[in-house]
Amino acid sequence: MEACDSTEETLLPLALTRFQLSEEYGFLLPDPLTELPAPYGPWMEIAHDLSQLIASRRLRSQVHQMPQLSTRHLGGRKELHLAHLVLSFITMGYLWQDGEEGTVKVLPRNLAVPFWEVSQALGLPPILSHADFVLANWRRKNPNGNLDTIISLPGGESLRGFILVTLLVEKAAVPGIKAIVQAVRAILQLDEETLHKALQELAEAIGDMSKALKRMHDYVDPAVFYAVIRIFLSGWKDNPAMPDGLIYEGVSDEPMAYSGGSAAQSTVLHAFDELLGIRHSEESTDFLHRMRDYMPPPHRAFVEEIHRAPSLKQHVLSSGDARLCAAFNQCISALADFRSYHITIVTKYITVVAAKAKARQAELGDRAGPSAGKPLSALEAKGTGGSHIFSFLKSVRDSTREGMISA
């Protein structure tokens, strides 16, 4: 019996359940909790009123009055994820309540200590990341499946749209994640038919991710994204607005620096890159590997396991099978198209709006107040994760295209 189990393990190195992955939801947390146990009422109360508290500049004073709660009453992964989501949203609101010119140097102990403890339990950093913002921040409004967020920040319907469209991109990737498992299994079993089918399914899933991403235009106002939402996703690493990082009171006397939420923290594209053997530039690779520290550890382990699997590209090349080559190139092409479309989105939601904001500032000149209509200078050329956004996105798109197998 034991011998049989070990063979199974060799043939199925990527069984999804080993990596807290769901057959139905992929990297999304299946049916997240929406309420914490009663002792954590003070956190939930603030979290549910975040937008109002930030708009009225009352969030910091509310946090200062918040009791310091022990995390020992939190049990299980879903409660920990909701606690991390709640504390990360409160933290971002606390930091950026007064804009990039009104930052603080210290996160108070009653917020910093429980946030640190929950982060340690989950293996996540103590900052809002893609794992909180999207993967664990959704609920069904009704049995028909209409979606909503659990916790929100300023930005209204545009913020809700931004989170839920990104969630739909993650959901569209699920058949592609399952196709990775099939592909690796097929390589190990030398099953070319199954491999061909898996590659076709992967290309189709990436195409569906692009279709989902296009819905951003329907639900997210560029001006609101640029002027309101973006700052709350910003971190305190590589950010001129917070050059010294942040002191987590009661955790460390030295400031710590963490990157803000970024699409580069989504495990999906890392997994596809590893399967397809795409090699990015040294600078892009360094940034992407740093972003893996912001993924739940089991998801990061999934990507590392794909990296250790036999090379798909080498297998396709050595097979000499024209159908496999074509199917492989379809995957590369779909992924490059997805990355090109991401550049289109970033151009619309950041570059164009930034140019308009600058022009408006120049026109108003001295008549503008210190921050009226002012572009977010610290984020002008950077993504919220701290990368130089256009050079990074174009480099990653171009190195994806270079992964093609030439005829």
Protein backbone atom coordinates (compact mmCIF):
# COMPACT_ATOMS: atom_id res chain seq x y z
CA MET A 1 0.00 0.00 0.00
CA GLU A 2 2.80 2.42 0.89
CA ALA A 3 4.58 1.81 -2.42
CA CYS A 4 1.37 2.65 -4.25
CA ASP A 5 1.03 5.93 -2.30
CA SER A 6 4.58 7.02 -3.10
CA THR A 7 4.01 6.37 -6.82
CA GLU A 8 0.85 8.45 -6.66
CA GLU A 9 2.86 11.24 -5.04
CA THR A 10 5.46 11.12 -7.83
CA LEU A 11 2.85 11.19 -10.56
CA LEU A 12 0.76 13.92 -8.95
CA PRO A 13 3.28 16.45 -7.65
CA LEU A 14 0.74 19.25 -8.06
CA ALA A 15 -2.40 17.85 -6.42
CA LEU A 16 -4.24 21.14 -5.73
CA THR A 17 -5.31 20.35 -2.17
CA ARG A 18 -1.66 20.15 -1.08
CA PHE A 19 -1.36 23.88 -1.79
CA GLN A 20 -4.68 25.16 -0.38
CA LEU A 21 -6.00 25.48 -3.92
CA SER A 22 -9.62 24.89 -4.82
CA GLU A 23 -10.93 22.98 -7.85
CA GLU A 24 -13.69 25.59 -8.13
CA TYR A 25 -11.99 28.80 -7.01
CA GLY A 26 -8.27 28.33 -7.69
CA PHE A 27 -6.26 30.78 -5.58
CA LEU A 28 -9.39 32.56 -4.28
CA LEU A 29 -10.34 31.76 -0.69
CA PRO A 30 -13.51 29.64 -1.03
CA ASP A 31 -16.53 31.34 0.58
CA PRO A 32 -14.64 33.66 2.97
CA LEU A 33 -16.10 34.47 6.38
CA THR A 34 -17.69 37.91 6.61
CA GLU A 35 -17.78 38.34 10.41
CA LEU A 36 -15.23 37.70 13.15
CA PRO A 37 -16.12 36.21 16.56
CA ALA A 38 -17.79 38.61 19.04
CA PRO A 39 -14.59 39.67 20.90
CA TYR A 40 -13.41 41.35 17.68
CA GLY A 41 -16.45 43.62 17.36
CA PRO A 42 -14.33 46.79 17.76
CA TRP A 43 -12.27 45.87 14.67
CA MET A 44 -15.32 45.00 12.57
CA GLU A 45 -17.11 48.19 13.60
CA ILE A 46 -14.26 50.36 12.35
CA ALA A 47 -13.72 48.21 9.23
CA HIS A 48 -17.36 48.51 8.15
CA ASP A 49 -17.25 52.31 8.53
CA LEU A 50 -13.81 52.88 6.98
CA SER A 51 -14.81 55.06 4.02
CA GLN A 52 -16.80 57.45 6.21
CA LEU A 53 -14.13 57.59 8.90
CA ILE A 54 -11.43 58.37 6.32
CA ALA A 55 -13.57 60.96 4.50
CA SER A 56 -14.26 62.78 7.78
CA ARG A 57 -10.61 62.40 8.93
CA ARG A 58 -11.76 60.54 12.06
CA LEU A 59 -10.16 57.15 11.46
CA ARG A 60 -6.94 57.84 13.33
CA SER A 61 -8.73 59.03 16.45
CA GLN A 62 -11.03 55.95 16.30
CA VAL A 63 -8.00 53.65 16.05
CA HIS A 64 -6.38 55.37 19.04
CA GLN A 65 -9.49 54.56 21.10
CA MET A 66 -9.62 50.93 19.92
CA PRO A 67 -8.90 48.34 22.66
CA GLN A 68 -5.82 46.16 22.20
CA LEU A 69 -7.28 42.73 21.50
CA SER A 70 -5.56 39.38 21.85
CA THR A 71 -5.52 37.22 18.73
CA ARG A 72 -5.82 33.98 20.70
CA HIS A 73 -9.59 33.73 20.09
CA LEU A 74 -9.02 33.46 16.33
CA GLY A 75 -9.27 29.89 15.11
CA GLY A 76 -8.75 28.41 11.68
CA ARG A 77 -7.52 29.78 8.39
CA LYS A 78 -10.71 31.62 7.41
CA GLU A 79 -10.90 33.59 10.66
CA LEU A 80 -7.22 34.50 10.35
CA HIS A 81 -7.70 35.62 6.74
CA LEU A 82 -10.65 37.83 7.67
CA ALA A 83 -8.70 39.31 10.60
CA HIS A 84 -5.77 40.03 8.25
CA LEU A 85 -8.12 41.61 5.71
CA VAL A 86 -9.76 43.82 8.36
CA LEU A 87 -6.50 44.90 10.02
CA SER A 88 -4.77 45.55 6.69
CA PHE A 89 -7.61 47.78 5.46
CA ILE A 90 -7.64 49.69 8.77
CA THR A 91 -3.84 50.07 8.54
CA MET A 92 -3.96 51.47 4.98
CA GLY A 93 -6.70 53.90 5.98
CA TYR A 94 -4.74 54.96 9.07
CA LEU A 95 -1.55 55.56 7.08
CA TRP A 96 -3.06 57.41 4.11
CA GLN A 97 -6.02 59.18 5.76
CA ASP A 98 -4.44 62.61 5.13
CA GLY A 99 -2.83 61.81 1.75
CA GLU A 100 0.81 61.33 0.88
CA GLU A 101 1.84 64.54 2.66
CA GLY A 102 0.16 63.57 5.95
CA THR A 103 1.73 60.18 6.64
CA VAL A 104 2.73 58.95 10.09
CA LYS A 105 5.90 57.18 11.15
CA VAL A 106 4.37 54.82 13.74
CA LEU A 107 1.51 52.33 13.60
CA PRO A 108 0.04 52.31 17.13
CA ARG A 109 0.52 49.23 19.30
CA ASN A 110 -3.20 48.33 19.53
CA LEU A 111 -3.23 47.89 15.72
CA ALA A 112 0.39 46.88 15.07
CA VAL A 113 0.67 43.99 17.56
CA PRO A 114 -2.45 42.00 16.55
CA PHE A 115 -1.74 42.71 12.85
CA TRP A 116 1.78 41.34 13.28
CA GLU A 117 0.55 38.24 15.15
CA VAL A 118 -2.11 37.41 12.53
CA SER A 119 0.45 37.99 9.76
CA GLN A 120 2.92 35.62 11.42
CA ALA A 121 0.21 32.95 11.77
CA LEU A 122 -0.63 33.16 8.05
CA GLY A 123 2.92 33.67 6.77
CA LEU A 124 1.86 36.98 5.18
CA PRO A 125 3.45 40.43 5.60
CA PRO A 126 1.70 43.01 7.83
CA ILE A 127 0.35 45.12 4.95
CA LEU A 128 -2.58 44.95 2.53
CA SER A 129 -1.69 42.56 -0.30
CA HIS A 130 -3.47 40.93 -3.25
CA ALA A 131 -4.21 37.97 -0.95
CA ASP A 132 -6.38 40.26 1.22
CA PHE A 133 -7.66 42.84 -1.24
CA VAL A 134 -8.98 40.32 -3.80
CA LEU A 135 -8.57 36.67 -2.80
CA ALA A 136 -10.23 36.93 0.64
CA ASN A 137 -12.46 39.98 0.11
CA TRP A 138 -15.60 38.67 -1.58
CA ARG A 139 -19.04 37.48 -0.62
CA ARG A 140 -22.29 36.58 -2.31
CA LYS A 141 -24.96 39.26 -1.94
CA ASN A 142 -27.69 36.71 -2.65
CA PRO A 143 -28.11 33.04 -3.63
CA ASN A 144 -28.00 33.98 -7.33
CA GLY A 145 -24.31 34.60 -6.86
CA ASN A 146 -24.17 38.40 -7.22
CA LEU A 147 -20.84 39.40 -5.72
CA ASP A 148 -19.82 42.13 -3.33
CA THR A 149 -16.76 43.01 -1.28
CA ILE A 150 -16.55 42.35 2.47
CA ILE A 151 -14.49 45.41 3.44
CA SER A 152 -14.12 48.62 1.44
CA LEU A 153 -12.10 51.84 1.30
CA PRO A 154 -12.81 55.22 -0.34
CA GLY A 155 -13.60 54.91 -4.04
CA GLY A 156 -17.23 53.75 -3.91
CA GLU A 157 -18.46 51.76 -6.90
CA SER A 158 -15.12 52.15 -8.71
CA LEU A 159 -13.26 50.47 -5.86
CA ARG A 160 -15.86 47.71 -5.72
CA GLY A 161 -15.55 47.27 -9.49
CA PHE A 162 -11.75 47.20 -9.33
CA ILE A 163 -11.73 44.46 -6.69
CA LEU A 164 -14.48 42.34 -8.29
CA VAL A 165 -13.16 42.56 -11.87
CA THR A 166 -9.75 41.47 -10.56
CA LEU A 167 -11.52 38.63 -8.76
CA LEU A 168 -13.21 37.61 -12.04
CA VAL A 169 -9.77 37.49 -13.69
CA GLU A 170 -8.63 35.12 -10.92
CA LYS A 171 -11.77 33.00 -11.38
CA ALA A 172 -11.24 32.84 -15.17
CA ALA A 173 -7.74 31.44 -14.50
CA VAL A 174 -9.05 28.36 -12.64
CA PRO A 175 -9.23 26.02 -15.70
CA GLY A 176 -5.68 27.14 -16.51
CA ILE A 177 -4.47 26.21 -13.01
CA LYS A 178 -6.05 22.77 -13.41
CA ALA A 179 -4.43 22.53 -16.86
CA ILE A 180 -1.00 23.05 -15.22
CA VAL A 181 -1.61 19.98 -13.06
CA GLN A 182 -2.70 17.97 -16.11
CA ALA A 183 0.30 19.15 -18.16
CA VAL A 184 2.88 18.23 -15.52
CA ARG A 185 1.23 14.85 -15.02
CA ALA A 186 1.16 14.28 -18.80
CA ILE A 187 4.89 15.08 -19.13
CA LEU A 188 5.73 12.58 -16.37
CA GLN A 189 3.54 9.92 -18.01
CA LEU A 190 4.69 10.78 -21.58
CA ASP A 191 1.03 11.24 -22.51
CA GLU A 192 1.17 13.63 -25.49
CA GLU A 193 -2.58 13.59 -26.09
CA THR A 194 -3.39 14.76 -22.56
CA LEU A 195 -0.57 17.32 -22.75
CA HIS A 196 -1.95 18.76 -25.99
CA LYS A 197 -5.43 19.07 -24.45
CA ALA A 198 -4.02 20.70 -21.28
CA LEU A 199 -2.14 23.31 -23.35
CA GLN A 200 -5.28 24.13 -25.32
CA GLU A 201 -7.20 24.56 -22.04
CA LEU A 202 -4.45 26.79 -20.66
CA ALA A 203 -4.49 29.06 -23.73
CA GLU A 204 -8.28 29.30 -23.54
CA ALA A 205 -8.18 30.19 -19.82
CA ILE A 206 -5.64 32.97 -20.44
CA GLY A 207 -7.90 34.31 -23.20
CA ASP A 208 -10.82 34.29 -20.75
CA MET A 209 -8.69 36.22 -18.25
CA SER A 210 -8.18 38.94 -20.88
CA LYS A 211 -11.94 39.08 -21.51
CA ALA A 212 -12.56 39.45 -17.76
CA LEU A 213 -9.93 42.22 -17.51
CA LYS A 214 -11.72 44.20 -20.24
CA ARG A 215 -14.68 44.61 -17.88
CA MET A 216 -12.54 47.09 -15.91
CA HIS A 217 -13.71 49.80 -18.35
CA ASP A 218 -17.36 49.19 -17.40
CA TYR A 219 -16.94 49.44 -13.65
CA VAL A 220 -13.92 51.61 -12.79
CA ASP A 221 -13.67 55.36 -13.35
CA PRO A 222 -10.02 56.26 -14.21
CA ALA A 223 -10.16 59.58 -12.32
CA VAL A 224 -11.42 57.84 -9.15
CA PHE A 225 -8.85 55.06 -9.45
CA TYR A 226 -5.97 57.49 -9.90
CA ALA A 227 -6.91 60.18 -7.40
CA VAL A 228 -8.70 58.17 -4.70
CA ILE A 229 -8.09 54.41 -4.78
CA ARG A 230 -4.43 54.17 -5.69
CA ILE A 231 -2.93 55.75 -2.61
CA PHE A 232 -4.63 53.24 -0.30
CA LEU A 233 -2.84 50.39 -2.11
CA SER A 234 0.56 52.04 -1.65
CA GLY A 235 3.20 50.55 0.62
CA TRP A 236 6.17 51.92 2.51
CA LYS A 237 9.00 50.41 0.52
CA ASP A 238 10.48 52.31 -2.46
CA ASN A 239 7.93 55.05 -1.77
CA PRO A 240 9.32 58.61 -1.47
CA ALA A 241 6.26 59.58 0.60
CA MET A 242 7.47 57.20 3.34
CA PRO A 243 11.22 56.89 2.76
CA ASP A 244 11.95 55.52 6.25
CA GLY A 245 9.30 52.81 6.29
CA LEU A 246 6.95 52.31 9.25
CA ILE A 247 7.53 51.48 12.92
CA TYR A 248 5.15 48.79 14.15
CA GLU A 249 4.87 49.86 17.81
CA GLY A 250 5.23 46.97 20.23
CA VAL A 251 6.75 44.79 17.49
CA SER A 252 10.02 46.51 16.62
CA ASP A 253 11.76 49.78 17.44
CA GLU A 254 13.21 49.85 13.94
CA PRO A 255 11.05 50.86 10.96
CA MET A 256 10.05 48.12 8.51
CA ALA A 257 9.41 48.51 4.79
CA TYR A 258 6.79 46.57 2.80
CA SER A 259 5.57 46.91 -0.78
CA GLY A 260 1.97 47.86 -1.52
CA GLY A 261 -0.65 45.69 -3.18
CA SER A 262 0.18 44.78 -6.77
CA ALA A 263 -1.09 42.53 -9.55
CA ALA A 264 2.44 41.07 -9.47
CA GLN A 265 1.42 39.41 -6.18
CA SER A 266 -1.15 37.26 -7.99
CA THR A 267 0.17 33.69 -8.03
CA VAL A 268 -1.58 32.90 -11.33
CA LEU A 269 0.90 34.56 -13.69
CA HIS A 270 3.90 33.29 -11.72
CA ALA A 271 2.54 29.76 -12.13
CA PHE A 272 2.00 30.21 -15.89
CA ASP A 273 5.50 31.68 -16.32
CA GLU A 274 7.10 28.75 -14.52
CA LEU A 275 5.18 26.16 -16.53
CA LEU A 276 5.97 27.83 -19.87
CA GLY A 277 9.62 28.40 -18.93
CA ILE A 278 9.46 32.18 -19.45
CA ARG A 279 12.63 33.96 -18.38
CA HIS A 280 12.35 37.63 -17.48
CA SER A 281 15.15 40.19 -17.18
CA GLU A 282 17.22 40.13 -14.02
CA GLU A 283 15.58 43.32 -12.68
CA SER A 284 12.03 42.08 -13.42
CA THR A 285 12.82 38.66 -11.96
CA ASP A 286 14.14 40.24 -8.74
CA PHE A 287 10.93 42.26 -8.35
CA LEU A 288 8.65 39.32 -9.18
CA HIS A 289 10.46 37.04 -6.74
CA ARG A 290 10.13 39.69 -4.03
CA MET A 291 6.38 39.80 -4.74
CA ARG A 292 6.18 36.07 -3.93
CA ASP A 293 6.80 36.99 -0.29
CA TYR A 294 3.32 38.58 -0.36
CA MET A 295 1.56 35.34 -1.37
CA PRO A 296 0.13 32.81 1.10
CA PRO A 297 3.00 30.32 1.64
CA PRO A 298 1.09 27.31 0.15
CA HIS A 299 0.53 29.31 -3.08
CA ARG A 300 4.19 30.25 -3.22
CA ALA A 301 5.05 26.56 -2.72
CA PHE A 302 2.84 25.67 -5.71
CA VAL A 303 4.89 27.98 -7.96
CA GLU A 304 8.16 26.54 -6.60
CA GLU A 305 6.90 23.01 -7.25
CA ILE A 306 6.17 23.88 -10.90
CA HIS A 307 9.69 25.30 -11.16
CA ARG A 308 11.08 21.93 -9.98
CA ALA A 309 8.93 19.91 -12.41
CA PRO A 310 10.39 18.65 -15.72
CA SER A 311 10.67 21.43 -18.33
CA LEU A 312 7.55 21.66 -20.51
CA LYS A 313 9.42 23.63 -23.19
CA GLN A 314 12.23 21.07 -23.41
CA HIS A 315 9.68 18.27 -23.57
CA VAL A 316 7.80 19.95 -26.43
CA LEU A 317 11.03 20.73 -28.31
CA SER A 318 12.38 17.20 -27.97
CA SER A 319 9.03 15.66 -28.95
CA GLY A 320 9.25 17.21 -32.42
CA ASP A 321 5.44 17.19 -32.38
CA ALA A 322 4.11 20.10 -34.48
CA ARG A 323 0.73 20.03 -32.70
CA LEU A 324 2.40 20.37 -29.30
CA CYS A 325 4.60 23.22 -30.56
CA ALA A 326 1.55 25.05 -31.92
CA ALA A 327 -0.41 24.54 -28.68
CA PHE A 328 2.58 25.72 -26.61
CA ASN A 329 2.93 28.85 -28.77
CA GLN A 330 -0.81 29.53 -28.39
CA CYS A 331 -0.27 29.70 -24.62
CA ILE A 332 2.69 32.09 -25.03
CA SER A 333 0.72 34.26 -27.45
CA ALA A 334 -2.33 34.41 -25.14
CA LEU A 335 -0.13 35.36 -22.17
CA ALA A 336 1.70 38.08 -24.15
CA ASP A 337 -1.71 39.43 -25.28
CA PHE A 338 -2.91 39.49 -21.66
CA ARG A 339 0.19 41.42 -20.63
CA SER A 340 -0.25 43.85 -23.54
CA TYR A 341 -3.81 44.47 -22.46
CA HIS A 342 -2.65 45.09 -18.90
CA ILE A 343 -0.38 47.83 -20.34
CA THR A 344 -3.43 49.33 -22.11
CA ILE A 345 -5.33 49.39 -18.80
CA VAL A 346 -2.41 50.99 -16.94
CA THR A 347 -2.06 53.63 -19.67
CA LYS A 348 -5.73 54.57 -19.34
CA TYR A 349 -5.94 54.44 -15.54
CA ILE A 350 -2.59 55.99 -14.66
CA THR A 351 -0.68 57.73 -17.47
CA VAL A 352 -3.56 59.55 -19.15
CA VAL A 353 -5.11 60.63 -15.85
CA ALA A 354 -1.72 61.72 -14.46
CA ALA A 355 -1.13 63.91 -17.52
CA LYS A 356 -4.56 65.53 -17.09
CA ALA A 357 -3.94 66.14 -13.38
CA LYS A 358 -0.57 67.74 -14.15
CA ALA A 359 -2.08 69.98 -16.82
CA ARG A 360 -4.83 71.05 -14.43
CA GLN A 361 -2.26 71.80 -11.73
CA ALA A 362 -0.20 73.90 -14.15
CA GLU A 363 -3.32 75.78 -15.24
CA LEU A 364 -4.36 76.57 -11.65
CA GLY A 365 -0.81 77.42 -10.60
CA ASP A 366 -0.62 79.23 -7.29
CA ARG A 367 -4.42 79.39 -7.06
CA ALA A 368 -4.49 75.67 -6.26
CA GLY A 369 -4.27 74.73 -2.61
CA PRO A 370 -1.35 72.62 -1.37
CA SER A 371 -3.02 69.41 -2.51
CA ALA A 372 -5.97 70.46 -4.67
CA GLY A 373 -6.03 68.28 -7.77
CA LYS A 374 -2.39 67.43 -7.18
CA PRO A 375 -1.11 64.25 -8.80
CA LEU A 376 0.28 61.60 -6.46
CA SER A 377 3.90 62.58 -7.00
CA ALA A 378 5.33 59.61 -5.12
CA LEU A 379 3.47 57.19 -7.39
CA GLU A 380 3.71 59.05 -10.68
CA ALA A 381 5.99 56.61 -12.49
CA LYS A 382 5.64 53.65 -10.14
CA GLY A 383 3.16 50.92 -9.47
CA THR A 384 1.71 50.50 -5.99
CA GLY A 385 4.12 47.58 -5.48
CA GLY A 386 7.06 49.96 -6.02
CA SER A 387 8.13 48.94 -9.55
CA HIS A 388 8.81 51.43 -12.36
CA ILE A 389 5.57 50.44 -13.92
CA PHE A 390 5.92 50.85 -17.69
CA SER A 391 9.47 49.62 -18.07
CA PHE A 392 8.52 46.64 -15.89
CA LEU A 393 5.28 45.75 -17.72
CA LYS A 394 6.83 46.13 -21.19
CA SER A 395 9.90 44.12 -20.21
CA VAL A 396 7.71 41.30 -18.82
CA ARG A 397 5.48 41.34 -21.94
CA ASP A 398 8.49 41.27 -24.29
CA SER A 399 10.24 38.43 -22.47
CA THR A 400 6.95 36.49 -22.62
CA ARG A 401 6.91 36.83 -26.43
CA GLU A 402 10.52 35.65 -26.55
CA GLY A 403 9.35 32.36 -25.02
CA MET A 404 7.85 31.28 -28.38
CA ILE A 405 9.20 28.14 -30.00
CA SER A 406 10.35 29.10 -33.51
CA ALA A 407 9.23 26.86 -36.37
